Amino acid sequence: MIDPRILRDDPDRVRAAQAKRGLTDESVDQALAADSARRTAIGEYESRRAEQKQRGKLVAQAQGEEKQALLAQVKDLAAEVKRLEAEQAAAEEEWRQALMAIPNLAADEAPAGGEDDYTVLEHVGTPREFDFEPRDHVELGRMLAAIDLERGAKVSGSRFYFLTGIGARLELALVNMAMDQAREAGFTQVIAPSLVKPRAMEGTGFLGQAADDVYRIEGEEMYLVGTSEVAMAAFHSEEILDVATLPRRYAALSPCFRKEAGSHGKDTRGIIRVHWFDKVEMFVYTTVEDSYAEHQRLLQWEKDFMAKLELAYRVIDTAAGDLGLSAQRKFDIEAWIPTQGRYRELTSTSNCTDFQSRRLDTRGRLEDGTITPVATLNGTLTAIPRTIVAILETHQQADGSVRVPEALRPYLGGLEVLSPVTA
């Protein structure tokens, strides 16, 4: 959640941030009203509680009828104090919910507007031109016996798939290459759970505007994560970290599950938009002050991985209205997909500043003993299906074979070319 002091001291800044996301002032006004009601409830409760204590002392000194009268007053006060305590608790919860509904304040540098209002920061590489008609990844996957969409649909439904043979080997190679890069950069490798409690999901901001895209396990208070960011953000929840040990960098592998709500009719062919995929995600705990430089470091690590795959791509600065609830700023890397003739998102990296840590009670202890919220950041190294799509389509050859990027070859046993499988 945002710092409550910013809301109280500079509500116009919060209103401006809402407008930048294309949102109204309503949640800001509700939070201010809830804060005012909360403070009033606290004052009334504490006043009556103090009076109750004072009357209690008088009872001990009184006798006879005076004592009986005081006892009656204390009894009435006790009932009122209990009522005011309940009202205070309700006001506290209303205030908490109102504050939780306000997104992180978008960075000044983030473009205003919605999904199509991003800013292109740079282009890297040149989209490949073919002297033959390129095949899409569905046809290539079939020729290589790497992707089985028909059996995926038969077994699990639409937007599911099997990776088989060289397809499965490609996934393992990409995971291992990503994990090696992360480890060499000082990340701790993690295999993260894909089922989490509501607190983890709410704390990372995925039960707000993104709730419709989340799978909930009926009959249990558990959710399937859409990214290991959720588990890793909750990893140090309710802990106080020594700031001297920051940054703490983790690279987590987990399956990811998404309903893809609202995507009816979009990317129905192939494995661009699916309900399940595996992903290696970088996650960092650091100070708010260093989070902005760390964000650039995460972006560079993603760019390094793209370079290893020899892909043409662009980097965009996502518009405020297209940011998730928790993100202050987000960069996307979009790879060129030849048969679609456009760039598609392969990775993203977000700076969530202290938004998630406040919700999950993750704090840092400074050298002087001061306790302060820390910052959290996340960044994708590889989301497997889209990465495979980009590799197959970019590096295909006229006969349906695919050249393996040089950096990936050691992870495929030295294989240089993926060859079509003859029946």
Protein backbone atom coordinates (compact mmCIF):
# COMPACT_ATOMS: atom_id res chain seq x y z
CA MET A 1 0.00 0.00 0.00
CA ILE A 2 1.09 3.59 -0.37
CA ASP A 3 2.61 5.50 2.54
CA PRO A 4 -0.38 6.84 4.56
CA ARG A 5 1.56 10.03 5.25
CA ILE A 6 1.56 10.89 1.55
CA LEU A 7 -2.21 10.53 1.44
CA ARG A 8 -2.69 12.75 4.50
CA ASP A 9 -0.03 15.35 3.73
CA ASP A 10 -0.28 15.56 -0.05
CA PRO A 11 -3.61 14.12 -1.28
CA ASP A 12 -3.34 16.11 -4.51
CA ARG A 13 -0.22 14.11 -5.40
CA VAL A 14 -2.23 10.92 -5.01
CA ARG A 15 -5.09 12.37 -7.07
CA ALA A 16 -2.63 13.29 -9.83
CA ALA A 17 -1.21 9.75 -9.79
CA GLN A 18 -4.73 8.33 -10.10
CA ALA A 19 -5.44 10.60 -13.05
CA LYS A 20 -2.22 9.46 -14.73
CA ARG A 21 -3.53 5.89 -14.53
CA GLY A 22 -6.89 7.01 -15.92
CA LEU A 23 -8.62 6.52 -12.56
CA THR A 24 -10.99 8.81 -10.66
CA ASP A 25 -10.49 10.51 -7.29
CA GLU A 26 -13.13 8.29 -5.69
CA SER A 27 -10.75 5.89 -3.92
CA VAL A 28 -8.67 8.81 -2.63
CA ASP A 29 -11.73 10.56 -1.21
CA GLN A 30 -12.95 7.32 0.34
CA ALA A 31 -9.58 6.71 1.98
CA LEU A 32 -9.41 10.27 3.37
CA ALA A 33 -12.95 9.94 4.77
CA ALA A 34 -12.11 6.53 6.26
CA ASP A 35 -8.97 7.94 7.87
CA SER A 36 -10.96 10.79 9.39
CA ALA A 37 -13.60 8.38 10.71
CA ARG A 38 -10.88 6.11 12.08
CA ARG A 39 -9.22 8.95 13.97
CA THR A 40 -12.56 10.03 15.41
CA ALA A 41 -13.33 6.47 16.50
CA ILE A 42 -9.91 6.13 18.16
CA GLY A 43 -10.39 9.43 20.02
CA GLU A 44 -13.84 8.50 21.29
CA TYR A 45 -12.69 5.05 22.39
CA GLU A 46 -9.60 6.33 24.21
CA SER A 47 -11.57 9.11 25.91
CA ARG A 48 -14.21 6.73 27.27
CA ARG A 49 -11.58 4.13 28.18
CA ALA A 50 -9.69 6.74 30.21
CA GLU A 51 -12.93 7.75 31.92
CA GLN A 52 -13.65 4.10 32.69
CA LYS A 53 -10.25 3.69 34.35
CA GLN A 54 -10.72 6.88 36.37
CA ARG A 55 -14.17 5.79 37.61
CA GLY A 56 -12.70 2.42 38.51
CA LYS A 57 -10.21 4.11 40.82
CA LEU A 58 -13.01 6.09 42.49
CA VAL A 59 -14.97 2.89 43.12
CA ALA A 60 -12.10 1.51 45.19
CA GLN A 61 -12.23 4.59 47.43
CA ALA A 62 -16.02 4.98 47.73
CA GLN A 63 -18.43 3.39 50.18
CA GLY A 64 -22.12 2.82 50.59
CA GLU A 65 -24.56 4.41 48.17
CA GLU A 66 -21.82 6.41 46.48
CA LYS A 67 -20.01 3.19 45.64
CA GLN A 68 -23.17 1.60 44.26
CA ALA A 69 -23.80 4.62 42.07
CA LEU A 70 -20.23 4.54 40.80
CA LEU A 71 -20.48 0.82 40.11
CA ALA A 72 -23.56 1.43 37.97
CA GLN A 73 -21.75 4.16 36.08
CA VAL A 74 -18.73 1.91 35.54
CA LYS A 75 -20.99 -0.82 34.24
CA ASP A 76 -22.60 1.55 31.75
CA LEU A 77 -19.17 2.84 30.75
CA ALA A 78 -17.90 -0.70 30.22
CA ALA A 79 -20.72 -1.39 27.76
CA GLU A 80 -20.05 1.87 25.95
CA VAL A 81 -16.31 1.21 25.83
CA LYS A 82 -16.97 -2.23 24.36
CA ARG A 83 -19.21 -0.69 21.71
CA LEU A 84 -16.66 2.01 20.88
CA GLU A 85 -13.89 -0.58 20.70
CA ALA A 86 -15.89 -2.53 18.10
CA GLU A 87 -16.55 0.69 16.17
CA GLN A 88 -12.85 1.52 16.27
CA ALA A 89 -11.94 -1.93 14.94
CA ALA A 90 -14.50 -1.56 12.13
CA ALA A 91 -13.17 1.91 11.29
CA GLU A 92 -9.60 0.57 11.25
CA GLU A 93 -10.58 -2.20 8.82
CA GLU A 94 -12.50 0.21 6.57
CA TRP A 95 -9.44 2.48 6.52
CA ARG A 96 -7.16 -0.44 5.71
CA GLN A 97 -9.37 -1.62 2.85
CA ALA A 98 -9.66 1.91 1.46
CA LEU A 99 -5.88 2.38 1.56
CA MET A 100 -5.29 -1.04 -0.04
CA ALA A 101 -7.50 -0.03 -2.99
CA ILE A 102 -5.17 2.79 -4.03
CA PRO A 103 -2.49 1.68 -6.54
CA ASN A 104 1.18 2.51 -6.16
CA LEU A 105 1.98 6.05 -7.29
CA ALA A 106 3.27 5.81 -10.85
CA ALA A 107 6.73 7.24 -11.44
CA ASP A 108 6.96 10.73 -12.86
CA GLU A 109 8.85 9.22 -15.80
CA ALA A 110 6.10 6.70 -16.62
CA PRO A 111 3.97 7.82 -19.59
CA ALA A 112 0.37 8.75 -18.83
CA GLY A 113 -2.46 6.84 -20.47
CA GLY A 114 -3.42 3.26 -21.18
CA GLU A 115 -2.19 0.13 -22.91
CA ASP A 116 -1.31 1.83 -26.21
CA ASP A 117 0.37 4.90 -24.70
CA TYR A 118 3.75 3.32 -23.94
CA THR A 119 7.03 4.96 -24.91
CA VAL A 120 9.58 3.01 -26.96
CA LEU A 121 12.95 3.45 -25.23
CA GLU A 122 15.13 1.55 -27.70
CA HIS A 123 15.26 -0.98 -30.52
CA VAL A 124 17.94 -3.67 -30.39
CA GLY A 125 18.73 -5.79 -33.43
CA THR A 126 17.04 -5.81 -36.82
CA PRO A 127 13.96 -7.94 -37.51
CA ARG A 128 14.98 -10.77 -39.80
CA GLU A 129 14.02 -10.70 -43.45
CA PHE A 130 13.41 -14.04 -45.16
CA ASP A 131 14.03 -15.17 -48.73
CA PHE A 132 11.31 -17.78 -48.21
CA GLU A 133 7.82 -17.76 -46.71
CA PRO A 134 8.38 -18.16 -42.93
CA ARG A 135 6.32 -20.70 -41.03
CA ASP A 136 4.66 -19.85 -37.74
CA HIS A 137 5.61 -21.62 -34.51
CA VAL A 138 2.59 -23.91 -34.69
CA GLU A 139 3.68 -25.39 -38.01
CA LEU A 140 7.34 -25.49 -36.96
CA GLY A 141 6.41 -27.12 -33.66
CA ARG A 142 4.50 -29.80 -35.55
CA MET A 143 7.35 -30.43 -38.00
CA LEU A 144 9.87 -30.68 -35.16
CA ALA A 145 7.51 -32.83 -33.04
CA ALA A 146 8.09 -30.19 -30.34
CA ILE A 147 4.61 -28.79 -29.61
CA ASP A 148 1.41 -30.85 -29.42
CA LEU A 149 -1.61 -28.57 -29.25
CA GLU A 150 -4.21 -31.15 -30.23
CA ARG A 151 -3.43 -33.46 -27.33
CA GLY A 152 -3.12 -30.47 -24.99
CA ALA A 153 -6.68 -29.50 -25.88
CA LYS A 154 -7.87 -33.11 -25.62
CA VAL A 155 -6.41 -33.56 -22.14
CA SER A 156 -6.87 -30.11 -20.58
CA GLY A 157 -8.87 -27.87 -22.93
CA SER A 158 -8.10 -24.80 -25.00
CA ARG A 159 -4.89 -22.84 -24.36
CA PHE A 160 -3.06 -25.92 -23.08
CA TYR A 161 -0.26 -27.81 -24.81
CA PHE A 162 2.37 -30.50 -24.51
CA LEU A 163 6.04 -29.82 -25.16
CA THR A 164 7.48 -33.05 -26.52
CA GLY A 165 10.89 -34.26 -27.64
CA ILE A 166 13.03 -31.28 -28.61
CA GLY A 167 10.30 -28.94 -27.28
CA ALA A 168 10.76 -30.35 -23.78
CA ARG A 169 14.53 -30.19 -24.19
CA LEU A 170 14.23 -26.55 -25.24
CA GLU A 171 12.34 -25.70 -22.05
CA LEU A 172 14.94 -27.39 -19.84
CA ALA A 173 17.75 -25.71 -21.77
CA LEU A 174 16.20 -22.26 -21.36
CA VAL A 175 15.55 -22.80 -17.65
CA ASN A 176 19.11 -23.97 -17.05
CA MET A 177 20.63 -21.13 -19.07
CA ALA A 178 18.51 -18.58 -17.19
CA MET A 179 19.36 -20.08 -13.82
CA ASP A 180 23.07 -20.17 -14.66
CA GLN A 181 23.01 -16.50 -15.65
CA ALA A 182 21.18 -15.59 -12.45
CA ARG A 183 23.53 -17.58 -10.26
CA GLU A 184 26.58 -16.00 -11.90
CA ALA A 185 25.05 -12.57 -11.17
CA GLY A 186 24.73 -13.44 -7.48
CA PHE A 187 21.10 -14.56 -7.33
CA THR A 188 20.01 -17.33 -4.98
CA GLN A 189 18.20 -20.02 -6.98
CA VAL A 190 14.73 -20.98 -5.73
CA ILE A 191 12.07 -23.51 -6.64
CA ALA A 192 8.95 -21.69 -5.48
CA PRO A 193 5.50 -23.02 -4.54
CA SER A 194 2.71 -22.30 -6.99
CA LEU A 195 -0.05 -22.51 -4.36
CA VAL A 196 -0.26 -19.65 -1.86
CA LYS A 197 -2.51 -18.35 0.91
CA PRO A 198 -4.77 -15.31 0.38
CA ARG A 199 -2.41 -13.04 2.33
CA ALA A 200 0.37 -13.62 -0.19
CA MET A 201 -1.94 -13.00 -3.15
CA GLU A 202 -3.51 -9.90 -1.60
CA GLY A 203 -0.16 -8.60 -0.37
CA THR A 204 1.32 -8.58 -3.86
CA GLY A 205 -1.73 -6.85 -5.32
CA PHE A 206 -3.23 -9.71 -7.31
CA LEU A 207 -6.64 -9.76 -5.64
CA GLY A 208 -7.51 -6.25 -6.76
CA GLN A 209 -7.77 -5.34 -10.43
CA ALA A 210 -6.20 -8.68 -11.45
CA ALA A 211 -8.53 -10.91 -9.40
CA ASP A 212 -10.50 -12.08 -12.44
CA ASP A 213 -7.36 -13.66 -13.89
CA VAL A 214 -6.53 -15.68 -10.76
CA TYR A 215 -7.39 -19.34 -10.17
CA ARG A 216 -8.81 -20.03 -6.70
CA ILE A 217 -8.94 -23.55 -5.28
CA GLU A 218 -12.58 -24.06 -4.36
CA GLY A 219 -13.13 -25.29 -0.81
CA GLU A 220 -9.64 -24.18 0.29
CA GLU A 221 -8.14 -20.81 1.09
CA MET A 222 -5.47 -21.26 -1.57
CA TYR A 223 -4.68 -19.69 -4.94
CA LEU A 224 -2.63 -20.76 -7.95
CA VAL A 225 -0.03 -18.10 -8.69
CA GLY A 226 0.25 -16.36 -12.05
CA THR A 227 3.92 -15.66 -11.31
CA SER A 228 6.44 -16.67 -8.66
CA GLU A 229 6.58 -12.96 -7.77
CA VAL A 230 3.69 -13.75 -5.42
CA ALA A 231 5.51 -16.41 -3.43
CA MET A 232 8.79 -14.49 -3.42
CA ALA A 233 7.18 -11.24 -2.24
CA ALA A 234 5.72 -13.17 0.70
CA PHE A 235 8.99 -15.06 1.31
CA HIS A 236 10.18 -12.48 3.86
CA SER A 237 6.73 -11.31 5.00
CA GLU A 238 6.48 -10.32 8.68
CA GLU A 239 10.28 -10.21 8.90
CA ILE A 240 12.78 -7.46 9.66
CA LEU A 241 15.82 -7.67 7.39
CA ASP A 242 19.19 -6.18 8.19
CA VAL A 243 19.60 -3.44 5.58
CA ALA A 244 23.32 -4.25 5.48
CA THR A 245 22.37 -7.62 3.88
CA LEU A 246 20.50 -5.94 1.01
CA PRO A 247 20.04 -6.36 -1.86
CA ARG A 248 18.75 -9.92 -1.54
CA ARG A 249 18.33 -11.34 -5.02
CA TYR A 250 16.40 -14.51 -5.85
CA ALA A 251 15.78 -16.35 -9.14
CA ALA A 252 12.67 -18.50 -8.81
CA LEU A 253 11.31 -21.20 -11.08
CA SER A 254 7.63 -22.07 -10.88
CA PRO A 255 4.66 -23.00 -13.01
CA CYS A 256 2.31 -20.06 -13.58
CA PHE A 257 -1.46 -20.20 -14.03
CA ARG A 258 -3.66 -17.52 -15.59
CA LYS A 259 -7.31 -17.56 -16.59
CA GLU A 260 -6.58 -15.05 -19.38
CA ALA A 261 -9.87 -13.36 -18.54
CA GLY A 262 -10.84 -10.84 -21.17
CA SER A 263 -8.68 -12.44 -23.85
CA HIS A 264 -11.50 -14.18 -25.69
CA GLY A 265 -10.58 -14.35 -29.37
CA LYS A 266 -7.00 -13.13 -28.80
CA ASP A 267 -4.03 -15.33 -29.67
CA THR A 268 -6.15 -18.44 -29.99
CA ARG A 269 -3.56 -20.10 -32.22
CA GLY A 270 -0.44 -21.59 -30.67
CA ILE A 271 1.25 -20.98 -27.33
CA ILE A 272 1.47 -17.18 -27.17
CA ARG A 273 -1.37 -16.86 -24.64
CA VAL A 274 -1.92 -19.95 -22.48
CA HIS A 275 -3.40 -20.91 -19.12
CA TRP A 276 -0.21 -22.55 -17.81
CA PHE A 277 3.48 -22.02 -18.43
CA ASP A 278 6.81 -22.21 -16.61
CA LYS A 279 8.87 -19.10 -15.86
CA VAL A 280 12.15 -18.06 -14.25
CA GLU A 281 11.56 -14.84 -12.33
CA MET A 282 14.08 -12.56 -10.68
CA PHE A 283 12.97 -11.03 -7.39
CA VAL A 284 14.86 -8.48 -5.31
CA TYR A 285 14.59 -6.94 -1.84
CA THR A 286 16.52 -3.68 -1.49
CA THR A 287 16.20 -0.17 -0.11
CA VAL A 288 13.77 2.26 -1.71
CA GLU A 289 16.69 4.58 -2.46
CA ASP A 290 18.55 1.89 -4.44
CA SER A 291 15.45 0.42 -6.09
CA TYR A 292 15.62 2.75 -9.09
CA ALA A 293 19.18 1.71 -9.97
CA GLU A 294 18.29 -1.94 -9.26
CA HIS A 295 15.41 -1.64 -11.71
CA GLN A 296 17.88 -0.70 -14.44
CA ARG A 297 20.11 -3.64 -13.45
CA LEU A 298 17.19 -6.07 -13.79
CA LEU A 299 16.41 -4.66 -17.22
CA GLN A 300 20.04 -5.14 -18.26
CA TRP A 301 20.04 -8.78 -17.12
CA GLU A 302 16.92 -9.34 -19.23
CA LYS A 303 18.60 -7.68 -22.22
CA ASP A 304 21.68 -9.87 -21.70
CA PHE A 305 19.47 -12.97 -21.90
CA MET A 306 17.77 -11.70 -25.07
CA ALA A 307 21.18 -11.13 -26.64
CA LYS A 308 22.14 -14.74 -25.93
CA LEU A 309 19.05 -15.84 -27.85
CA GLU A 310 19.99 -13.57 -30.78
CA LEU A 311 16.54 -11.99 -30.95
CA ALA A 312 15.53 -8.57 -32.27
CA TYR A 313 13.56 -6.68 -29.66
CA ARG A 314 12.44 -3.34 -28.34
CA VAL A 315 12.16 -1.96 -24.80
CA ILE A 316 9.06 -0.02 -23.82
CA ASP A 317 8.24 2.16 -20.82
CA THR A 318 4.75 0.97 -19.89
CA ALA A 319 2.08 3.65 -19.52
CA ALA A 320 0.69 4.30 -16.04
CA GLY A 321 -2.75 2.98 -16.91
CA ASP A 322 -1.25 -0.37 -17.94
CA LEU A 323 0.77 -0.86 -14.75
CA GLY A 324 -0.28 -3.47 -12.23
CA LEU A 325 -1.60 -2.32 -8.86
CA SER A 326 1.82 -2.68 -7.21
CA ALA A 327 4.15 -1.29 -9.87
CA GLN A 328 5.59 2.21 -9.76
CA ARG A 329 7.24 1.74 -13.14
CA LYS A 330 7.54 -1.17 -15.57
CA PHE A 331 9.73 -1.90 -18.59
CA ASP A 332 8.69 -4.55 -21.11
CA ILE A 333 10.98 -6.27 -23.58
CA GLU A 334 9.10 -7.24 -26.73
CA ALA A 335 10.64 -9.61 -29.25
CA TRP A 336 9.94 -9.49 -32.98
CA ILE A 337 7.67 -12.35 -34.06
CA PRO A 338 8.15 -12.71 -37.84
CA THR A 339 4.85 -14.29 -38.85
CA GLN A 340 2.88 -11.74 -36.82
CA GLY A 341 4.93 -8.84 -38.15
CA ARG A 342 5.05 -7.18 -34.76
CA TYR A 343 6.74 -7.12 -31.39
CA ARG A 344 5.28 -9.24 -28.56
CA GLU A 345 6.07 -9.07 -24.86
CA LEU A 346 8.63 -11.65 -23.71
CA THR A 347 9.76 -10.20 -20.39
CA SER A 348 8.94 -7.37 -18.03
CA THR A 349 10.50 -5.83 -14.94
CA SER A 350 8.71 -3.76 -12.31
CA ASN A 351 9.79 -1.58 -9.41
CA CYS A 352 7.15 -1.89 -6.69
CA THR A 353 9.05 0.39 -4.26
CA ASP A 354 7.68 -0.16 -0.72
CA PHE A 355 4.11 -0.90 -1.85
CA GLN A 356 4.20 -4.70 -1.41
CA SER A 357 6.44 -4.64 1.66
CA ARG A 358 3.96 -2.40 3.51
CA ARG A 359 1.13 -4.81 2.73
CA LEU A 360 3.21 -7.85 3.73
CA ASP A 361 4.99 -6.23 6.69
CA THR A 362 8.53 -6.73 5.37
CA ARG A 363 10.85 -4.15 6.89
CA GLY A 364 14.51 -3.30 7.15
CA ARG A 365 16.61 -2.30 10.16
CA LEU A 366 19.07 0.52 9.53
CA GLU A 367 22.44 0.75 11.24
CA ASP A 368 21.03 3.20 13.82
CA GLY A 369 18.22 0.77 14.65
CA THR A 370 15.52 2.59 12.68
CA ILE A 371 12.90 0.29 11.15
CA THR A 372 11.68 1.16 7.64
CA PRO A 373 9.82 -0.60 4.79
CA VAL A 374 12.02 -2.09 2.06
CA ALA A 375 11.50 -2.09 -1.69
CA THR A 376 10.65 -5.10 -3.87
CA LEU A 377 11.32 -5.56 -7.58
CA ASN A 378 10.63 -8.34 -10.05
CA GLY A 379 11.80 -9.20 -13.54
CA THR A 380 11.29 -12.12 -15.93
CA LEU A 381 14.34 -13.91 -17.28
CA THR A 382 12.38 -16.36 -19.38
CA ALA A 383 8.70 -17.17 -19.81
CA ILE A 384 9.04 -20.45 -21.65
CA PRO A 385 6.28 -20.62 -24.30
CA ARG A 386 6.78 -17.13 -25.76
CA THR A 387 10.55 -17.57 -25.69
CA ILE A 388 10.22 -20.81 -27.67
CA VAL A 389 7.91 -19.04 -30.14
CA ALA A 390 10.48 -16.29 -30.72
CA ILE A 391 13.37 -18.75 -31.12
CA LEU A 392 11.56 -21.05 -33.57
CA GLU A 393 10.20 -18.28 -35.76
CA THR A 394 13.33 -16.10 -35.78
CA HIS A 395 15.89 -18.83 -36.39
CA GLN A 396 13.92 -21.06 -38.79
CA GLN A 397 15.36 -22.19 -42.10
CA ALA A 398 13.68 -22.91 -45.41
CA ASP A 399 13.37 -26.66 -44.82
CA GLY A 400 11.63 -26.22 -41.46
CA SER A 401 14.77 -26.77 -39.39
CA VAL A 402 15.75 -24.20 -36.75
CA ARG A 403 19.24 -22.89 -36.04
CA VAL A 404 20.08 -23.01 -32.32
CA PRO A 405 21.50 -19.75 -30.90
CA GLU A 406 25.14 -20.31 -30.06
CA ALA A 407 24.77 -19.55 -26.33
CA LEU A 408 21.98 -22.14 -26.03
CA ARG A 409 23.88 -24.97 -27.71
CA PRO A 410 25.78 -26.20 -24.62
CA TYR A 411 22.42 -26.68 -22.89
CA LEU A 412 21.24 -28.89 -25.78
CA GLY A 413 24.27 -31.14 -25.81
CA GLY A 414 26.01 -29.11 -28.51
CA LEU A 415 23.08 -29.34 -30.92
CA GLU A 416 23.39 -26.68 -33.65
CA VAL A 417 20.22 -27.32 -35.62
CA LEU A 418 16.76 -28.62 -34.70
CA SER A 419 15.72 -30.85 -37.56
CA PRO A 420 12.20 -31.82 -38.69
CA VAL A 421 11.07 -35.24 -37.57
CA THR A 422 10.01 -37.56 -40.37
CA ALA A 423 7.14 -39.88 -39.60
